[in-house]
Amino acid sequence: MIRIGLTGGIGSGKTTVAAMFEDLGVAVYNSDIEAKRLMNEDPGIRTAIRTLFGEMAYQNNALNRKFLAEKAFKNRELLIALNEIVHPAVRQDFKTWVEKQEGEYVIQEAAILFENGGYKNFDKMILVTAPKKERIARIKLRDHLTEKAILERMQHQWPVKKKKELAQYVIINKNLEDTRNQVRKIHDQILQKS
């Protein structure tokens, strides 16, 4: 089975693009959702996160995402340490998930597949891009963050130019219908090569 990585900077529209692939019958693993599930459910991960961030990391027995984001995105060492806890668990969970899937190919949607070297585990990579101004506007609307907080998060991700060099497919996500056409075209190309 072909394994495809789907990535892009914060606010680029990865989840929208992933949903378009799902509409075409492709199984998609959403790393963000699964990471949150693992951070809430896996006792080993919970202990490691508490050790790193303290008891405030969990409130009412649930992951305190806002607290973690505030701490991790302002401290590079904490962000790296958190990723070293979560990313291996997500990689293993994805492998287990793939074994249960059918179809010609599967997609794993994740924000930092290039930055963490995860792209090396895929047969092909799809990069979703969008103009920076649009990305900032989307994040403000979706996450109610300040522009300063958004730019802090963006600085932890590689520039688009660097990502394009490693991607086999690039989707420019400005207009939904145009994006849907790009997704169909890539889907057909992947099926032809499988």
C-alpha atoms as a PDB file:
ATOM      1  CA  MET A   1       0.000   0.000   0.000  1.00  0.00           C
ATOM      2  CA  ILE A   2       1.299   3.438  -0.951  1.00  0.00           C
ATOM      3  CA  ARG A   3       1.825   5.795   1.996  1.00  0.00           C
ATOM      4  CA  ILE A   4       1.358   9.485   1.297  1.00  0.00           C
ATOM      5  CA  GLY A   5       2.279  12.297   3.673  1.00  0.00           C
ATOM      6  CA  LEU A   6       0.089  15.416   3.571  1.00  0.00           C
ATOM      7  CA  THR A   7       1.569  18.496   5.182  1.00  0.00           C
ATOM      8  CA  GLY A   8       1.643  22.272   5.123  1.00  0.00           C
ATOM      9  CA  GLY A   9       2.133  25.230   7.402  1.00  0.00           C
ATOM     10  CA  ILE A  10      -0.383  26.239  10.040  1.00  0.00           C
ATOM     11  CA  GLY A  11      -3.511  27.657   8.377  1.00  0.00           C
ATOM     12  CA  SER A  12      -2.637  26.308   4.909  1.00  0.00           C
ATOM     13  CA  GLY A  13      -5.762  24.137   4.750  1.00  0.00           C
ATOM     14  CA  LYS A  14      -4.370  20.620   5.300  1.00  0.00           C
ATOM     15  CA  THR A  15      -7.561  19.433   6.982  1.00  0.00           C
ATOM     16  CA  THR A  16      -9.727  20.811   4.173  1.00  0.00           C
ATOM     17  CA  VAL A  17      -7.558  19.040   1.593  1.00  0.00           C
ATOM     18  CA  ALA A  18      -7.568  15.825   3.656  1.00  0.00           C
ATOM     19  CA  ALA A  19     -11.392  15.908   3.698  1.00  0.00           C
ATOM     20  CA  MET A  20     -11.376  16.218  -0.103  1.00  0.00           C
ATOM     21  CA  PHE A  21      -9.257  13.062  -0.360  1.00  0.00           C
ATOM     22  CA  GLU A  22     -11.652  11.324   2.048  1.00  0.00           C
ATOM     23  CA  ASP A  23     -14.525  12.321  -0.258  1.00  0.00           C
ATOM     24  CA  LEU A  24     -12.682  10.362  -2.977  1.00  0.00           C
ATOM     25  CA  GLY A  25     -12.631   7.277  -0.722  1.00  0.00           C
ATOM     26  CA  VAL A  26      -9.055   7.602   0.555  1.00  0.00           C
ATOM     27  CA  ALA A  27      -8.373   6.638   4.183  1.00  0.00           C
ATOM     28  CA  VAL A  28      -6.822   9.613   6.025  1.00  0.00           C
ATOM     29  CA  TYR A  29      -5.053   9.521   9.394  1.00  0.00           C
ATOM     30  CA  ASN A  30      -5.260  12.914  11.109  1.00  0.00           C
ATOM     31  CA  SER A  31      -2.098  13.152  13.226  1.00  0.00           C
ATOM     32  CA  ASP A  32      -3.310  16.137  15.235  1.00  0.00           C
ATOM     33  CA  ILE A  33      -6.512  14.401  16.359  1.00  0.00           C
ATOM     34  CA  GLU A  34      -4.727  11.116  17.054  1.00  0.00           C
ATOM     35  CA  ALA A  35      -1.891  12.848  18.952  1.00  0.00           C
ATOM     36  CA  LYS A  36      -4.464  14.545  21.212  1.00  0.00           C
ATOM     37  CA  ARG A  37      -6.162  11.189  21.774  1.00  0.00           C
ATOM     38  CA  LEU A  38      -2.853   9.529  22.660  1.00  0.00           C
ATOM     39  CA  MET A  39      -1.860  12.429  24.944  1.00  0.00           C
ATOM     40  CA  ASN A  40      -5.143  11.974  26.808  1.00  0.00           C
ATOM     41  CA  GLU A  41      -5.360   8.170  26.845  1.00  0.00           C
ATOM     42  CA  ASP A  42      -1.824   6.742  26.941  1.00  0.00           C
ATOM     43  CA  PRO A  43      -0.604   6.515  30.571  1.00  0.00           C
ATOM     44  CA  GLY A  44       3.083   6.598  29.568  1.00  0.00           C
ATOM     45  CA  ILE A  45       2.624   9.748  27.487  1.00  0.00           C
ATOM     46  CA  ARG A  46       0.584  11.414  30.241  1.00  0.00           C
ATOM     47  CA  THR A  47       3.335  10.724  32.780  1.00  0.00           C
ATOM     48  CA  ALA A  48       6.062  12.016  30.461  1.00  0.00           C
ATOM     49  CA  ILE A  49       4.111  15.215  29.717  1.00  0.00           C
ATOM     50  CA  ARG A  50       3.412  15.811  33.432  1.00  0.00           C
ATOM     51  CA  THR A  51       7.102  15.316  34.174  1.00  0.00           C
ATOM     52  CA  LEU A  52       8.014  17.862  31.491  1.00  0.00           C
ATOM     53  CA  PHE A  53       5.319  20.506  32.113  1.00  0.00           C
ATOM     54  CA  GLY A  54       4.080  19.847  35.652  1.00  0.00           C
ATOM     55  CA  GLU A  55       0.595  19.110  36.955  1.00  0.00           C
ATOM     56  CA  MET A  56      -0.950  22.025  34.984  1.00  0.00           C
ATOM     57  CA  ALA A  57      -0.472  19.944  31.822  1.00  0.00           C
ATOM     58  CA  TYR A  58      -3.753  18.187  32.654  1.00  0.00           C
ATOM     59  CA  GLN A  59      -6.887  19.722  34.130  1.00  0.00           C
ATOM     60  CA  ASN A  60      -9.994  17.754  35.063  1.00  0.00           C
ATOM     61  CA  ASN A  61      -8.168  14.647  33.839  1.00  0.00           C
ATOM     62  CA  ALA A  62      -7.876  16.090  30.293  1.00  0.00           C
ATOM     63  CA  LEU A  63      -4.959  17.571  28.383  1.00  0.00           C
ATOM     64  CA  ASN A  64      -4.655  21.322  28.995  1.00  0.00           C
ATOM     65  CA  ARG A  65      -3.913  22.194  25.356  1.00  0.00           C
ATOM     66  CA  LYS A  66      -3.882  25.957  25.868  1.00  0.00           C
ATOM     67  CA  PHE A  67      -1.328  25.704  28.687  1.00  0.00           C
ATOM     68  CA  LEU A  68       0.903  23.339  26.671  1.00  0.00           C
ATOM     69  CA  ALA A  69       0.755  25.540  23.561  1.00  0.00           C
ATOM     70  CA  GLU A  70       1.619  28.681  25.542  1.00  0.00           C
ATOM     71  CA  LYS A  71       4.631  26.984  27.132  1.00  0.00           C
ATOM     72  CA  ALA A  72       5.893  24.964  24.160  1.00  0.00           C
ATOM     73  CA  PHE A  73       5.669  27.639  21.467  1.00  0.00           C
ATOM     74  CA  LYS A  74       7.641  30.081  23.627  1.00  0.00           C
ATOM     75  CA  ASN A  75      10.381  27.606  24.555  1.00  0.00           C
ATOM     76  CA  ARG A  76      12.085  25.687  21.753  1.00  0.00           C
ATOM     77  CA  GLU A  77      13.593  23.089  24.126  1.00  0.00           C
ATOM     78  CA  LEU A  78      10.163  22.300  25.602  1.00  0.00           C
ATOM     79  CA  LEU A  79       8.653  22.007  22.113  1.00  0.00           C
ATOM     80  CA  ILE A  80      11.404  19.609  21.020  1.00  0.00           C
ATOM     81  CA  ALA A  81      10.999  17.535  24.196  1.00  0.00           C
ATOM     82  CA  LEU A  82       7.213  17.390  23.735  1.00  0.00           C
ATOM     83  CA  ASN A  83       7.630  16.303  20.107  1.00  0.00           C
ATOM     84  CA  GLU A  84      10.072  13.586  21.208  1.00  0.00           C
ATOM     85  CA  ILE A  85       7.352  12.197  23.485  1.00  0.00           C
ATOM     86  CA  VAL A  86       4.431  12.438  21.068  1.00  0.00           C
ATOM     87  CA  HIS A  87       5.832  11.863  17.559  1.00  0.00           C
ATOM     88  CA  PRO A  88       7.162   8.293  18.055  1.00  0.00           C
ATOM     89  CA  ALA A  89       3.809   7.287  19.563  1.00  0.00           C
ATOM     90  CA  VAL A  90       1.916   8.800  16.623  1.00  0.00           C
ATOM     91  CA  ARG A  91       4.252   7.076  14.122  1.00  0.00           C
ATOM     92  CA  GLN A  92       3.587   3.706  15.777  1.00  0.00           C
ATOM     93  CA  ASP A  93      -0.159   4.358  15.950  1.00  0.00           C
ATOM     94  CA  PHE A  94      -0.162   5.251  12.228  1.00  0.00           C
ATOM     95  CA  LYS A  95       1.627   1.985  11.338  1.00  0.00           C
ATOM     96  CA  THR A  96      -0.970  -0.016  13.282  1.00  0.00           C
ATOM     97  CA  TRP A  97      -3.784   1.969  11.603  1.00  0.00           C
ATOM     98  CA  VAL A  98      -2.349   1.371   8.086  1.00  0.00           C
ATOM     99  CA  GLU A  99      -2.491  -2.404   8.597  1.00  0.00           C
ATOM    100  CA  LYS A 100      -6.289  -2.151   8.987  1.00  0.00           C
ATOM    101  CA  GLN A 101      -6.870  -0.066   5.833  1.00  0.00           C
ATOM    102  CA  GLU A 102      -7.843  -1.082   2.311  1.00  0.00           C
ATOM    103  CA  GLY A 103      -7.348   0.770  -0.948  1.00  0.00           C
ATOM    104  CA  GLU A 104      -4.462   1.705  -3.199  1.00  0.00           C
ATOM    105  CA  TYR A 105      -3.045   4.317  -0.853  1.00  0.00           C
ATOM    106  CA  VAL A 106      -3.474   5.997   2.528  1.00  0.00           C
ATOM    107  CA  ILE A 107      -2.689   9.529   3.690  1.00  0.00           C
ATOM    108  CA  GLN A 108      -1.252  10.762   6.949  1.00  0.00           C
ATOM    109  CA  GLU A 109      -2.036  14.429   7.580  1.00  0.00           C
ATOM    110  CA  ALA A 110       0.523  16.110   9.847  1.00  0.00           C
ATOM    111  CA  ALA A 111       1.838  19.643  10.303  1.00  0.00           C
ATOM    112  CA  ILE A 112       5.585  19.117  10.573  1.00  0.00           C
ATOM    113  CA  LEU A 113       6.477  16.036   8.500  1.00  0.00           C
ATOM    114  CA  PHE A 114       9.412  17.839   6.893  1.00  0.00           C
ATOM    115  CA  GLU A 115      10.670  19.502  10.065  1.00  0.00           C
ATOM    116  CA  ASN A 116      10.756  16.263  12.080  1.00  0.00           C
ATOM    117  CA  GLY A 117      12.131  14.060   9.274  1.00  0.00           C
ATOM    118  CA  GLY A 118       8.900  12.076   9.112  1.00  0.00           C
ATOM    119  CA  TYR A 119       8.659  12.651   5.350  1.00  0.00           C
ATOM    120  CA  LYS A 120      11.311   9.936   4.891  1.00  0.00           C
ATOM    121  CA  ASN A 121       8.709   7.327   5.947  1.00  0.00           C
ATOM    122  CA  PHE A 122       6.415   8.066   2.975  1.00  0.00           C
ATOM    123  CA  ASP A 123       6.386   7.062  -0.674  1.00  0.00           C
ATOM    124  CA  LYS A 124       5.202  10.527  -1.755  1.00  0.00           C
ATOM    125  CA  MET A 125       4.599  13.896  -0.122  1.00  0.00           C
ATOM    126  CA  ILE A 126       1.807  16.401  -0.772  1.00  0.00           C
ATOM    127  CA  LEU A 127       2.429  19.984   0.360  1.00  0.00           C
ATOM    128  CA  VAL A 128      -0.525  22.339   0.899  1.00  0.00           C
ATOM    129  CA  THR A 129       0.276  26.037   0.630  1.00  0.00           C
ATOM    130  CA  ALA A 130      -1.657  29.292   0.861  1.00  0.00           C
ATOM    131  CA  PRO A 131      -0.667  32.966   0.959  1.00  0.00           C
ATOM    132  CA  LYS A 132       0.612  34.007   4.406  1.00  0.00           C
ATOM    133  CA  LYS A 133      -2.045  36.709   4.843  1.00  0.00           C
ATOM    134  CA  GLU A 134      -4.815  34.169   4.186  1.00  0.00           C
ATOM    135  CA  ARG A 135      -3.228  31.679   6.565  1.00  0.00           C
ATOM    136  CA  ILE A 136      -3.076  34.272   9.360  1.00  0.00           C
ATOM    137  CA  ALA A 137      -6.712  35.278   8.745  1.00  0.00           C
ATOM    138  CA  ARG A 138      -7.839  31.617   8.836  1.00  0.00           C
ATOM    139  CA  ILE A 139      -6.017  30.932  12.109  1.00  0.00           C
ATOM    140  CA  LYS A 140      -7.372  34.084  13.747  1.00  0.00           C
ATOM    141  CA  LEU A 141     -10.886  32.984  12.819  1.00  0.00           C
ATOM    142  CA  ARG A 142     -10.401  29.313  13.746  1.00  0.00           C
ATOM    143  CA  ASP A 143      -8.249  29.507  16.879  1.00  0.00           C
ATOM    144  CA  HIS A 144      -8.888  33.090  18.061  1.00  0.00           C
ATOM    145  CA  LEU A 145      -5.145  33.716  18.389  1.00  0.00           C
ATOM    146  CA  THR A 146      -3.338  37.032  18.123  1.00  0.00           C
ATOM    147  CA  GLU A 147      -1.170  37.682  15.088  1.00  0.00           C
ATOM    148  CA  LYS A 148       1.880  37.613  17.386  1.00  0.00           C
ATOM    149  CA  ALA A 149       0.969  34.115  18.655  1.00  0.00           C
ATOM    150  CA  ILE A 150       0.375  32.910  15.088  1.00  0.00           C
ATOM    151  CA  LEU A 151       3.744  34.236  13.903  1.00  0.00           C
ATOM    152  CA  GLU A 152       5.437  32.530  16.888  1.00  0.00           C
ATOM    153  CA  ARG A 153       3.988  29.215  15.745  1.00  0.00           C
ATOM    154  CA  MET A 154       4.865  29.839  12.112  1.00  0.00           C
ATOM    155  CA  GLN A 155       8.508  30.442  12.959  1.00  0.00           C
ATOM    156  CA  HIS A 156       8.802  26.816  14.133  1.00  0.00           C
ATOM    157  CA  GLN A 157       7.899  25.584  10.641  1.00  0.00           C
ATOM    158  CA  TRP A 158      10.122  25.506   7.578  1.00  0.00           C
ATOM    159  CA  PRO A 159       9.634  28.076   4.797  1.00  0.00           C
ATOM    160  CA  VAL A 160       7.430  26.909   1.892  1.00  0.00           C
ATOM    161  CA  LYS A 161      10.349  27.060  -0.565  1.00  0.00           C
ATOM    162  CA  LYS A 162      12.328  24.510   1.467  1.00  0.00           C
ATOM    163  CA  LYS A 163       9.299  22.193   1.721  1.00  0.00           C
ATOM    164  CA  LYS A 164       8.581  22.405  -2.019  1.00  0.00           C
ATOM    165  CA  GLU A 165      12.002  20.918  -2.738  1.00  0.00           C
ATOM    166  CA  LEU A 166      10.985  17.706  -0.928  1.00  0.00           C
ATOM    167  CA  ALA A 167       7.339  17.451  -2.058  1.00  0.00           C
ATOM    168  CA  GLN A 168       6.230  15.477  -5.102  1.00  0.00           C
ATOM    169  CA  TYR A 169       2.902  17.338  -5.237  1.00  0.00           C
ATOM    170  CA  VAL A 170       2.010  20.916  -4.275  1.00  0.00           C
ATOM    171  CA  ILE A 171      -1.568  22.121  -3.762  1.00  0.00           C
ATOM    172  CA  ILE A 172      -2.154  25.881  -3.726  1.00  0.00           C
ATOM    173  CA  ASN A 173      -5.204  26.322  -1.512  1.00  0.00           C
ATOM    174  CA  LYS A 174      -6.787  29.690  -2.368  1.00  0.00           C
ATOM    175  CA  ASN A 175     -10.106  28.763  -3.958  1.00  0.00           C
ATOM    176  CA  LEU A 176     -12.043  25.658  -2.852  1.00  0.00           C
ATOM    177  CA  GLU A 177     -13.134  24.537  -6.314  1.00  0.00           C
ATOM    178  CA  ASP A 178      -9.622  24.968  -7.695  1.00  0.00           C
ATOM    179  CA  THR A 179      -8.224  23.091  -4.678  1.00  0.00           C
ATOM    180  CA  ARG A 180     -10.726  20.267  -5.261  1.00  0.00           C
ATOM    181  CA  ASN A 181      -9.569  20.016  -8.894  1.00  0.00           C
ATOM    182  CA  GLN A 182      -5.931  19.829  -7.785  1.00  0.00           C
ATOM    183  CA  VAL A 183      -6.838  17.047  -5.325  1.00  0.00           C
ATOM    184  CA  ARG A 184      -8.643  15.044  -8.049  1.00  0.00           C
ATOM    185  CA  LYS A 185      -5.674  15.401 -10.389  1.00  0.00           C
ATOM    186  CA  ILE A 186      -3.213  14.188  -7.732  1.00  0.00           C
ATOM    187  CA  HIS A 187      -5.557  11.337  -6.766  1.00  0.00           C
ATOM    188  CA  ASP A 188      -5.693  10.179 -10.403  1.00  0.00           C
ATOM    189  CA  GLN A 189      -1.895  10.411 -10.756  1.00  0.00           C
ATOM    190  CA  ILE A 190      -1.334   8.351  -7.604  1.00  0.00           C
ATOM    191  CA  LEU A 191      -3.793   5.680  -8.772  1.00  0.00           C
ATOM    192  CA  GLN A 192      -2.129   5.512 -12.192  1.00  0.00           C
ATOM    193  CA  LYS A 193       1.257   4.897 -10.560  1.00  0.00           C
ATOM    194  CA  SER A 194       0.032   2.282  -8.066  1.00  0.00           C
END
